[in-house]
Amino acid sequence: MKTNVSQIPDYFLRCSRCGWETGVKSYILQCPHCGPEAFLQSRFPRRPPSKNLSSVESDFFHYTDWMSFAPIQSETPMHIGCIPGNGLGRELGLENLWLLLSCFAPQYGADMPSSTFKGAEALGVYSRAITETNKLLIVSSAGNAGVAFLEIGSMLATPGIVVVPDGALPIMMTSSEPGAVSPLLIVLEDAFYPDAIRFVDEIVGRFPEHLVREGGAFNVARRDAMAIPFHRAVRAMKRLPDRYFQAVGSGTGAIAAWEAAGRLKEHKECPGGPMRLHLVQNTPFTPMVDAWKAGSRTVSPMSHEEVHDRLKRTYASVLANAKPPYGLTGGVFDILTDSGGDMHAVCNEDALKANALFKRHFMLDPCPEASTALAGLIQAKESGQISGREHILLHITGGGWKHSVKELGKRPYPNRRTFSPDDWEAAFQTVENYLSRMAACRTGFRD
């Protein structure tokens, strides 16, 4: 696959808490003064060109001027859809409902290869790691992000390591055939997402000179890339929405949308707004909803056993993040407060009803997270929290998985190893062997 690295955009990073700034293009994740207490945010001193709202572009790479990294382009298309809600909106009593489609739905102009908006995240993070560090990227995932990083890594012939619990294995499929240089997939048996995080913590501790974390929400490239679908929606709507609905686990995608809206207003790019955020979680895994409703900046801790128990009873399980970036400066609490927004908790039954409602109106099978978001929108409308005339943007963060498998010829990812809970030492040895093999062929990484 032919690829090329674009010129790094003109940007600098600013700490959302103390105002510290840097223009150095390096793989920095946190402010040296505030650390994990605040987000760094990308700032663009000059107004990016070609942002005329009269022209609607669905191609991900059309919006590279808003990215704080050098995006690696390939021959593989990645388009984002945004369509009016029409019949669904009428049924819900919403005159100006729009659907942002970060999924695989070619019939609506969306063809994200991983079928989720995690494909944008993966491209952004890989691009930044390749251009700003000589280490291999390592990622923990509950499922969707793992698929995206395997797909993008194989497409770019880039090494990396993806760690997932065994429950995610059925969706670990890609359309890009991995070559000699491609990501390694590690599957942990009898595990959940927190176990994958713990594994990555330990493996990075063993090989700190060779591995670099994806960084989660602290990685500005992740947030800027995840903001691209929002830019696409603003172009389609020709304005900022009054309300933005999205299901959240960490809330990173919502933070990305809020930061993008702020930059658009700062550069006087579009009318509309102010935009209120409505973030949705699926009971019983609702740590951020619980904290928000209690007026607290702190998410209550959960024991390992409680996390596992709640996960087993949650329909949209990929939203289950026990330690989200909620209370730090620039985090979920702040963006909800600043936007005058709210959080919603929806049960499995309501999410499933929303799933059926969506499929009655669209030729698309939404992911559980998207159904959860729609259920939150229905809840807000029925409670009188939103009016029928407001401009509503509902982010469908994934869908069309089965269609993508058939249409793109996806196959189970072959470069993988599975390990039991008692066999982590063997997993560490596998990682060490992989690092040795990749050291001789730094394809895609700078020397």
Protein backbone atom coordinates (compact mmCIF):
# COMPACT_ATOMS: atom_id res chain seq x y z
CA MET A 1 0.00 0.00 0.00
CA LYS A 2 1.50 3.32 -1.02
CA THR A 3 1.48 5.92 1.71
CA ASN A 4 2.88 9.35 2.26
CA VAL A 5 3.32 11.60 5.26
CA SER A 6 1.76 15.03 4.93
CA GLN A 7 3.48 18.17 6.15
CA ILE A 8 3.01 18.72 9.86
CA PRO A 9 0.38 21.45 10.34
CA ASP A 10 1.18 24.71 12.09
CA TYR A 11 0.01 24.20 15.66
CA PHE A 12 1.09 24.37 19.27
CA LEU A 13 -0.06 22.67 22.47
CA ARG A 14 -1.48 24.51 25.47
CA CYS A 15 -2.26 23.15 28.93
CA SER A 16 -5.93 23.64 29.75
CA ARG A 17 -5.08 24.24 33.40
CA CYS A 18 -1.91 26.35 33.75
CA GLY A 19 -1.57 27.70 30.20
CA TRP A 20 1.87 26.21 29.57
CA GLU A 21 2.59 26.10 25.84
CA THR A 22 4.97 24.30 23.52
CA GLY A 23 5.49 24.29 19.78
CA VAL A 24 7.92 21.36 19.86
CA LYS A 25 6.64 18.53 17.68
CA SER A 26 7.26 15.54 19.96
CA TYR A 27 5.21 12.72 21.46
CA ILE A 28 4.29 14.66 24.58
CA LEU A 29 1.09 13.50 26.28
CA GLN A 30 0.86 15.65 29.40
CA CYS A 31 1.84 19.08 30.68
CA PRO A 32 5.18 18.89 32.59
CA HIS A 33 3.62 20.93 35.41
CA CYS A 34 0.06 19.59 35.69
CA GLY A 35 0.60 16.01 34.54
CA PRO A 36 -2.58 13.88 34.53
CA GLU A 37 -4.59 16.66 36.18
CA ALA A 38 -5.24 18.44 32.87
CA PHE A 39 -5.43 17.96 29.11
CA LEU A 40 -3.09 19.49 26.61
CA GLN A 41 -5.08 21.03 23.76
CA SER A 42 -3.96 21.74 20.21
CA ARG A 43 -4.17 25.33 19.04
CA PHE A 44 -3.93 26.62 15.48
CA PRO A 45 -2.51 30.16 15.33
CA ARG A 46 -3.60 30.72 11.75
CA ARG A 47 -7.02 30.12 10.28
CA PRO A 48 -6.81 26.85 8.31
CA PRO A 49 -7.66 27.33 4.62
CA SER A 50 -10.50 25.88 2.54
CA LYS A 51 -13.13 25.72 5.25
CA ASN A 52 -15.99 27.13 3.22
CA LEU A 53 -19.25 25.72 4.58
CA SER A 54 -20.82 25.91 1.13
CA SER A 55 -18.70 22.91 0.08
CA VAL A 56 -19.42 19.58 1.78
CA GLU A 57 -16.57 17.06 1.83
CA SER A 58 -16.84 13.56 3.30
CA ASP A 59 -13.21 12.49 2.83
CA PHE A 60 -11.36 12.21 6.14
CA PHE A 61 -8.21 13.72 4.60
CA HIS A 62 -10.01 16.87 3.53
CA TYR A 63 -9.80 18.07 7.13
CA THR A 64 -6.10 17.52 7.79
CA ASP A 65 -5.55 21.22 8.51
CA TRP A 66 -7.34 20.65 11.81
CA MET A 67 -5.00 17.83 12.90
CA SER A 68 -2.08 18.29 15.30
CA PHE A 69 0.02 15.64 13.54
CA ALA A 70 1.23 14.74 10.08
CA PRO A 71 -1.54 12.49 8.73
CA ILE A 72 -0.38 9.46 6.78
CA GLN A 73 -2.49 9.08 3.66
CA SER A 74 -3.12 5.84 1.82
CA GLU A 75 -5.02 4.56 -1.17
CA THR A 76 -7.74 3.21 1.11
CA PRO A 77 -10.69 5.63 1.28
CA MET A 78 -12.20 6.72 4.57
CA HIS A 79 -15.38 8.73 4.24
CA ILE A 80 -17.77 9.97 6.90
CA GLY A 81 -21.51 10.28 6.32
CA CYS A 82 -23.91 12.90 7.63
CA ILE A 83 -27.58 12.79 6.66
CA PRO A 84 -30.88 14.37 7.76
CA GLY A 85 -32.92 12.28 10.20
CA ASN A 86 -36.09 12.61 8.07
CA GLY A 87 -38.52 9.85 9.06
CA LEU A 88 -36.84 9.12 12.39
CA GLY A 89 -36.92 12.79 13.24
CA ARG A 90 -40.60 13.07 12.38
CA GLU A 91 -41.43 10.06 14.55
CA LEU A 92 -39.54 11.58 17.47
CA GLY A 93 -40.97 15.06 16.90
CA LEU A 94 -37.63 16.57 15.90
CA GLU A 95 -37.71 18.88 12.87
CA ASN A 96 -33.93 19.26 12.50
CA LEU A 97 -32.39 15.91 13.38
CA TRP A 98 -29.08 14.99 11.72
CA LEU A 99 -27.19 11.71 11.90
CA LEU A 100 -23.39 11.69 11.87
CA LEU A 101 -22.34 8.28 10.53
CA SER A 102 -18.87 7.15 11.58
CA CYS A 103 -19.42 3.59 10.43
CA PHE A 104 -19.62 1.37 7.35
CA ALA A 105 -22.68 2.48 5.39
CA PRO A 106 -21.69 3.19 1.75
CA GLN A 107 -25.36 3.75 0.94
CA TYR A 108 -25.14 6.87 3.14
CA GLY A 109 -21.66 7.97 2.15
CA ALA A 110 -19.78 6.36 5.04
CA ASP A 111 -17.09 3.73 4.51
CA MET A 112 -14.96 3.56 7.64
CA PRO A 113 -13.09 0.24 7.16
CA SER A 114 -13.31 -0.70 10.85
CA SER A 115 -17.05 0.22 10.84
CA THR A 116 -16.53 2.56 13.83
CA PHE A 117 -15.16 6.04 14.47
CA LYS A 118 -12.21 4.33 16.15
CA GLY A 119 -10.74 4.15 12.64
CA ALA A 120 -10.18 7.90 12.77
CA GLU A 121 -8.58 7.56 16.19
CA ALA A 122 -6.24 4.82 15.00
CA LEU A 123 -5.07 6.78 11.97
CA GLY A 124 -4.37 9.85 14.08
CA VAL A 125 -2.46 8.00 16.78
CA TYR A 126 -0.44 5.90 14.33
CA SER A 127 0.45 9.00 12.33
CA ARG A 128 1.70 10.84 15.40
CA ALA A 129 3.65 7.84 16.71
CA ILE A 130 5.33 7.29 13.35
CA THR A 131 6.37 10.91 12.88
CA GLU A 132 7.21 11.83 16.47
CA THR A 133 8.78 8.73 18.07
CA ASN A 134 10.87 5.72 17.12
CA LYS A 135 9.05 3.37 19.49
CA LEU A 136 6.35 0.81 18.73
CA LEU A 137 2.79 1.68 19.64
CA ILE A 138 0.96 -0.51 22.16
CA VAL A 139 -2.82 -0.31 22.65
CA SER A 140 -5.31 -1.89 25.06
CA SER A 141 -8.88 -2.19 23.82
CA ALA A 142 -12.29 -3.56 24.70
CA GLY A 143 -12.86 -4.32 21.01
CA ASN A 144 -13.61 -1.49 18.60
CA ALA A 145 -10.32 0.38 18.98
CA GLY A 146 -8.45 -2.91 18.65
CA VAL A 147 -10.08 -3.68 15.31
CA ALA A 148 -9.29 -0.19 14.07
CA PHE A 149 -5.63 -0.31 15.08
CA LEU A 150 -5.18 -3.74 13.46
CA GLU A 151 -6.85 -2.53 10.25
CA ILE A 152 -4.89 0.72 10.00
CA GLY A 153 -1.63 -0.88 11.12
CA SER A 154 -1.92 -3.60 8.47
CA MET A 155 -2.94 -1.06 5.84
CA LEU A 156 0.13 1.07 6.58
CA ALA A 157 2.47 -1.92 7.10
CA THR A 158 3.31 -0.55 10.54
CA PRO A 159 4.33 -2.59 13.61
CA GLY A 160 2.46 -2.29 16.89
CA ILE A 161 0.83 -4.35 19.61
CA VAL A 162 -2.91 -4.60 20.35
CA VAL A 163 -4.13 -6.25 23.56
CA VAL A 164 -7.78 -7.31 23.95
CA PRO A 165 -9.85 -9.60 26.22
CA ASP A 166 -11.02 -12.83 24.63
CA GLY A 167 -14.61 -11.58 24.43
CA ALA A 168 -13.47 -9.23 21.67
CA LEU A 169 -11.90 -11.98 19.55
CA PRO A 170 -14.96 -12.58 17.28
CA ILE A 171 -14.69 -9.05 15.87
CA MET A 172 -10.90 -9.08 15.47
CA MET A 173 -11.24 -9.17 11.68
CA THR A 174 -9.60 -7.01 9.02
CA SER A 175 -9.82 -6.46 5.30
CA SER A 176 -6.15 -5.48 5.01
CA GLU A 177 -3.90 -8.51 4.71
CA PRO A 178 -1.07 -8.22 7.28
CA GLY A 179 2.42 -8.62 5.85
CA ALA A 180 5.81 -9.26 7.39
CA VAL A 181 5.55 -5.89 9.14
CA SER A 182 2.18 -5.67 10.85
CA PRO A 183 0.66 -5.39 14.33
CA LEU A 184 0.72 -8.24 16.82
CA LEU A 185 -2.62 -9.12 18.44
CA ILE A 186 -2.52 -10.50 21.99
CA VAL A 187 -5.73 -12.05 23.29
CA LEU A 188 -6.18 -12.57 27.05
CA GLU A 189 -8.44 -15.44 28.09
CA ASP A 190 -11.04 -15.01 30.87
CA ALA A 191 -10.37 -11.29 30.83
CA PHE A 192 -12.11 -7.94 30.52
CA TYR A 193 -10.95 -4.55 29.36
CA PRO A 194 -9.38 -3.59 32.73
CA ASP A 195 -7.22 -6.75 32.47
CA ALA A 196 -5.98 -5.61 29.06
CA ILE A 197 -5.05 -2.23 30.55
CA ARG A 198 -3.19 -3.95 33.39
CA PHE A 199 -1.30 -6.14 30.92
CA VAL A 200 -0.20 -3.09 28.92
CA ASP A 201 0.90 -1.33 32.10
CA GLU A 202 3.16 -4.24 32.95
CA ILE A 203 4.57 -4.80 29.48
CA VAL A 204 5.44 -1.12 29.04
CA GLY A 205 7.19 -1.27 32.39
CA ARG A 206 9.33 -4.12 31.08
CA PHE A 207 10.18 -2.53 27.73
CA PRO A 208 10.01 1.25 28.24
CA GLU A 209 12.71 1.93 25.65
CA HIS A 210 10.84 0.06 22.91
CA LEU A 211 7.13 0.70 23.49
CA VAL A 212 5.04 3.84 23.61
CA ARG A 213 1.48 3.95 24.92
CA GLU A 214 -1.33 5.16 22.76
CA GLY A 215 -1.99 7.62 25.58
CA GLY A 216 -5.77 7.41 25.65
CA ALA A 217 -7.58 10.71 25.94
CA PHE A 218 -4.31 12.50 26.74
CA ASN A 219 -3.10 12.02 23.16
CA VAL A 220 -4.04 15.19 21.26
CA ALA A 221 -3.72 13.30 17.96
CA ARG A 222 -6.42 10.92 19.13
CA ARG A 223 -8.82 13.73 20.01
CA ASP A 224 -8.07 15.81 16.90
CA ALA A 225 -8.59 12.78 14.64
CA MET A 226 -11.82 11.83 16.42
CA ALA A 227 -13.00 15.41 15.87
CA ILE A 228 -12.88 15.03 12.08
CA PRO A 229 -16.36 13.42 11.90
CA PHE A 230 -17.70 16.43 13.81
CA HIS A 231 -16.10 18.79 11.27
CA ARG A 232 -17.81 16.77 8.55
CA ALA A 233 -21.18 17.16 10.29
CA VAL A 234 -20.79 20.91 10.68
CA ARG A 235 -20.11 21.18 6.95
CA ALA A 236 -23.22 19.14 6.15
CA MET A 237 -25.45 21.07 8.57
CA LYS A 238 -23.79 24.39 7.62
CA ARG A 239 -23.82 25.34 11.28
CA LEU A 240 -23.02 24.10 14.77
CA PRO A 241 -25.75 21.92 16.27
CA ASP A 242 -27.74 23.12 19.25
CA ARG A 243 -27.48 19.67 20.85
CA TYR A 244 -24.91 16.91 20.36
CA PHE A 245 -25.75 13.35 21.46
CA GLN A 246 -23.19 10.56 21.82
CA ALA A 247 -22.75 7.43 23.91
CA VAL A 248 -19.54 7.51 25.93
CA GLY A 249 -17.17 5.20 27.76
CA SER A 250 -14.18 7.44 28.29
CA GLY A 251 -15.87 10.48 26.74
CA THR A 252 -12.88 11.17 24.50
CA GLY A 253 -14.98 11.50 21.36
CA ALA A 254 -17.29 14.02 23.03
CA ILE A 255 -14.31 16.00 24.33
CA ALA A 256 -12.94 16.01 20.78
CA ALA A 257 -16.22 17.35 19.40
CA TRP A 258 -16.37 20.07 22.06
CA GLU A 259 -12.78 21.16 21.41
CA ALA A 260 -13.47 21.24 17.66
CA ALA A 261 -16.57 23.37 18.18
CA GLY A 262 -14.51 25.81 20.23
CA ARG A 263 -11.88 26.13 17.52
CA LEU A 264 -14.50 26.65 14.84
CA LYS A 265 -16.09 29.47 16.85
CA GLU A 266 -12.68 30.96 17.61
CA HIS A 267 -11.85 31.09 13.91
CA LYS A 268 -15.38 32.30 13.09
CA GLU A 269 -15.89 29.31 10.82
CA CYS A 270 -19.63 28.77 11.23
CA PRO A 271 -22.87 30.05 12.74
CA GLY A 272 -25.10 28.20 15.15
CA GLY A 273 -24.73 27.06 18.70
CA PRO A 274 -24.05 27.41 21.51
CA MET A 275 -23.80 23.63 21.49
CA ARG A 276 -25.01 21.63 24.48
CA LEU A 277 -23.55 18.15 25.00
CA HIS A 278 -25.73 15.17 25.90
CA LEU A 279 -23.65 12.13 26.80
CA VAL A 280 -25.18 8.71 27.33
CA GLN A 281 -24.15 5.61 29.26
CA ASN A 282 -25.70 2.15 29.53
CA THR A 283 -26.82 0.89 32.94
CA PRO A 284 -25.55 -0.64 35.08
CA PHE A 285 -22.13 0.69 33.95
CA THR A 286 -22.69 4.41 34.49
CA PRO A 287 -19.79 5.83 36.58
CA MET A 288 -19.84 9.24 34.89
CA VAL A 289 -23.63 9.59 34.96
CA ASP A 290 -23.62 8.75 38.67
CA ALA A 291 -20.93 11.33 39.40
CA TRP A 292 -22.62 14.00 37.26
CA LYS A 293 -26.04 13.53 38.83
CA ALA A 294 -24.40 13.74 42.26
CA GLY A 295 -22.72 17.01 41.32
CA SER A 296 -19.33 15.42 41.90
CA ARG A 297 -16.07 15.96 40.03
CA THR A 298 -14.92 12.51 41.10
CA VAL A 299 -15.96 9.14 39.74
CA SER A 300 -16.49 6.61 42.53
CA PRO A 301 -13.95 3.76 42.39
CA MET A 302 -15.11 0.24 41.58
CA SER A 303 -13.52 -2.98 42.73
CA HIS A 304 -12.26 -5.49 40.19
CA GLU A 305 -15.19 -7.77 41.05
CA GLU A 306 -17.74 -4.97 40.65
CA VAL A 307 -16.35 -4.00 37.26
CA HIS A 308 -16.66 -7.58 36.02
CA ASP A 309 -20.17 -7.96 37.44
CA ARG A 310 -21.46 -4.76 35.84
CA LEU A 311 -19.82 -5.59 32.53
CA LYS A 312 -21.66 -8.88 32.32
CA ARG A 313 -24.97 -7.02 32.58
CA THR A 314 -24.25 -4.20 30.14
CA TYR A 315 -25.52 -4.32 26.54
CA ALA A 316 -23.05 -1.74 25.17
CA SER A 317 -20.07 -3.30 26.93
CA VAL A 318 -17.42 -1.31 25.04
CA LEU A 319 -18.65 1.77 26.91
CA ALA A 320 -17.51 0.25 30.19
CA ASN A 321 -14.62 2.41 31.39
CA ALA A 322 -14.14 2.45 35.15
CA LYS A 323 -11.51 5.22 35.11
CA PRO A 324 -12.65 7.79 32.52
CA PRO A 325 -11.06 11.26 32.14
CA TYR A 326 -13.94 12.85 34.00
CA GLY A 327 -12.73 15.26 36.67
CA LEU A 328 -9.45 16.59 35.25
CA THR A 329 -9.27 20.07 33.72
CA GLY A 330 -10.71 19.88 30.21
CA GLY A 331 -12.36 16.53 30.96
CA VAL A 332 -15.97 15.38 30.80
CA PHE A 333 -17.15 17.30 33.88
CA ASP A 334 -15.75 20.55 32.50
CA ILE A 335 -17.15 20.19 28.98
CA LEU A 336 -20.60 19.32 30.33
CA THR A 337 -20.50 22.29 32.68
CA ASP A 338 -19.19 24.68 30.02
CA SER A 339 -21.77 23.56 27.47
CA GLY A 340 -24.72 23.49 29.85
CA GLY A 341 -25.11 19.85 28.92
CA ASP A 342 -26.29 16.70 30.67
CA MET A 343 -25.72 12.98 31.04
CA HIS A 344 -28.26 10.21 30.57
CA ALA A 345 -28.42 6.60 31.75
CA VAL A 346 -30.43 4.16 29.63
CA CYS A 347 -31.21 0.53 30.38
CA ASN A 348 -30.55 -2.41 28.09
CA GLU A 349 -34.23 -2.70 27.19
CA ASP A 350 -34.45 0.92 26.01
CA ALA A 351 -31.23 0.58 24.02
CA LEU A 352 -32.60 -2.50 22.26
CA LYS A 353 -35.87 -0.69 21.49
CA ALA A 354 -33.86 2.18 20.03
CA ASN A 355 -31.92 -0.31 17.93
CA ALA A 356 -35.13 -1.67 16.44
CA LEU A 357 -36.47 1.86 15.84
CA PHE A 358 -33.31 2.87 14.03
CA LYS A 359 -33.41 -0.17 11.74
CA ARG A 360 -37.01 0.61 10.79
CA HIS A 361 -35.88 3.91 9.31
CA PHE A 362 -32.40 3.16 7.93
CA MET A 363 -30.69 0.38 6.04
CA LEU A 364 -28.03 0.09 8.71
CA ASP A 365 -27.46 -2.09 11.75
CA PRO A 366 -26.11 0.28 14.44
CA CYS A 367 -23.63 -0.86 17.05
CA PRO A 368 -24.86 -1.13 20.68
CA GLU A 369 -23.23 2.21 21.53
CA ALA A 370 -25.12 4.00 18.75
CA SER A 371 -28.40 2.44 19.90
CA THR A 372 -27.60 3.60 23.42
CA ALA A 373 -27.07 7.16 22.15
CA LEU A 374 -30.42 7.12 20.35
CA ALA A 375 -32.10 5.84 23.52
CA GLY A 376 -30.60 8.81 25.37
CA LEU A 377 -31.97 11.19 22.75
CA ILE A 378 -35.44 9.66 23.07
CA GLN A 379 -35.23 10.00 26.86
CA ALA A 380 -34.26 13.68 26.60
CA LYS A 381 -37.09 14.41 24.14
CA GLU A 382 -39.74 12.61 26.19
CA SER A 383 -38.68 14.44 29.36
CA GLY A 384 -39.08 17.82 27.61
CA GLN A 385 -35.38 18.61 27.90
CA ILE A 386 -35.08 19.39 24.18
CA SER A 387 -37.52 21.08 21.83
CA GLY A 388 -38.69 19.87 18.45
CA ARG A 389 -37.16 22.80 16.55
CA GLU A 390 -33.60 22.57 17.84
CA HIS A 391 -30.84 21.40 15.53
CA ILE A 392 -29.85 17.99 16.89
CA LEU A 393 -26.76 15.99 15.91
CA LEU A 394 -26.81 12.30 16.86
CA HIS A 395 -23.44 10.61 16.44
CA ILE A 396 -23.75 7.02 15.21
CA THR A 397 -20.26 5.96 16.30
CA GLY A 398 -20.39 2.54 14.70
CA GLY A 399 -22.51 0.25 12.58
CA GLY A 400 -22.68 -1.90 9.48
CA TRP A 401 -20.23 -4.46 10.85
CA LYS A 402 -21.79 -7.49 9.13
CA HIS A 403 -22.05 -5.56 5.86
CA SER A 404 -18.39 -4.59 6.10
CA VAL A 405 -17.34 -8.19 6.68
CA LYS A 406 -19.12 -9.28 3.50
CA GLU A 407 -18.39 -6.24 1.35
CA LEU A 408 -14.70 -5.88 2.28
CA GLY A 409 -13.95 -9.59 2.57
CA LYS A 410 -12.85 -9.35 6.19
CA ARG A 411 -11.06 -12.31 7.74
CA PRO A 412 -9.99 -13.20 11.29
CA TYR A 413 -6.76 -11.39 12.05
CA PRO A 414 -4.04 -14.07 11.69
CA ASN A 415 -1.06 -12.52 13.50
CA ARG A 416 -2.35 -13.25 16.99
CA ARG A 417 -1.50 -15.21 20.13
CA THR A 418 -3.85 -16.19 22.95
CA PHE A 419 -2.77 -16.53 26.57
CA SER A 420 -4.44 -17.76 29.75
CA PRO A 421 -4.35 -15.79 33.02
CA ASP A 422 -1.58 -18.11 34.28
CA ASP A 423 0.50 -17.67 31.15
CA TRP A 424 1.33 -13.96 31.11
CA GLU A 425 5.05 -14.67 31.32
CA ALA A 426 4.79 -16.50 28.01
CA ALA A 427 2.94 -13.48 26.62
CA PHE A 428 5.75 -11.19 27.75
CA GLN A 429 8.26 -13.47 26.02
CA THR A 430 6.17 -13.32 22.83
CA VAL A 431 6.24 -9.53 22.97
CA GLU A 432 10.01 -9.55 23.47
CA ASN A 433 10.46 -11.83 20.43
CA TYR A 434 8.18 -9.60 18.35
CA LEU A 435 10.13 -6.49 19.32
CA SER A 436 13.35 -8.22 18.26
CA ARG A 437 11.89 -9.11 14.86
CA MET A 438 10.54 -5.63 14.25
CA ALA A 439 13.77 -3.90 15.33
CA ALA A 440 15.44 -4.93 12.08
CA CYS A 441 12.67 -3.52 9.89
CA ARG A 442 11.54 -0.15 11.19
CA THR A 443 9.20 0.29 8.23
CA GLY A 444 7.12 3.40 8.67
CA PHE A 445 9.04 4.60 11.71
CA ARG A 446 11.61 7.32 11.65
CA ASP A 447 15.22 6.34 12.42
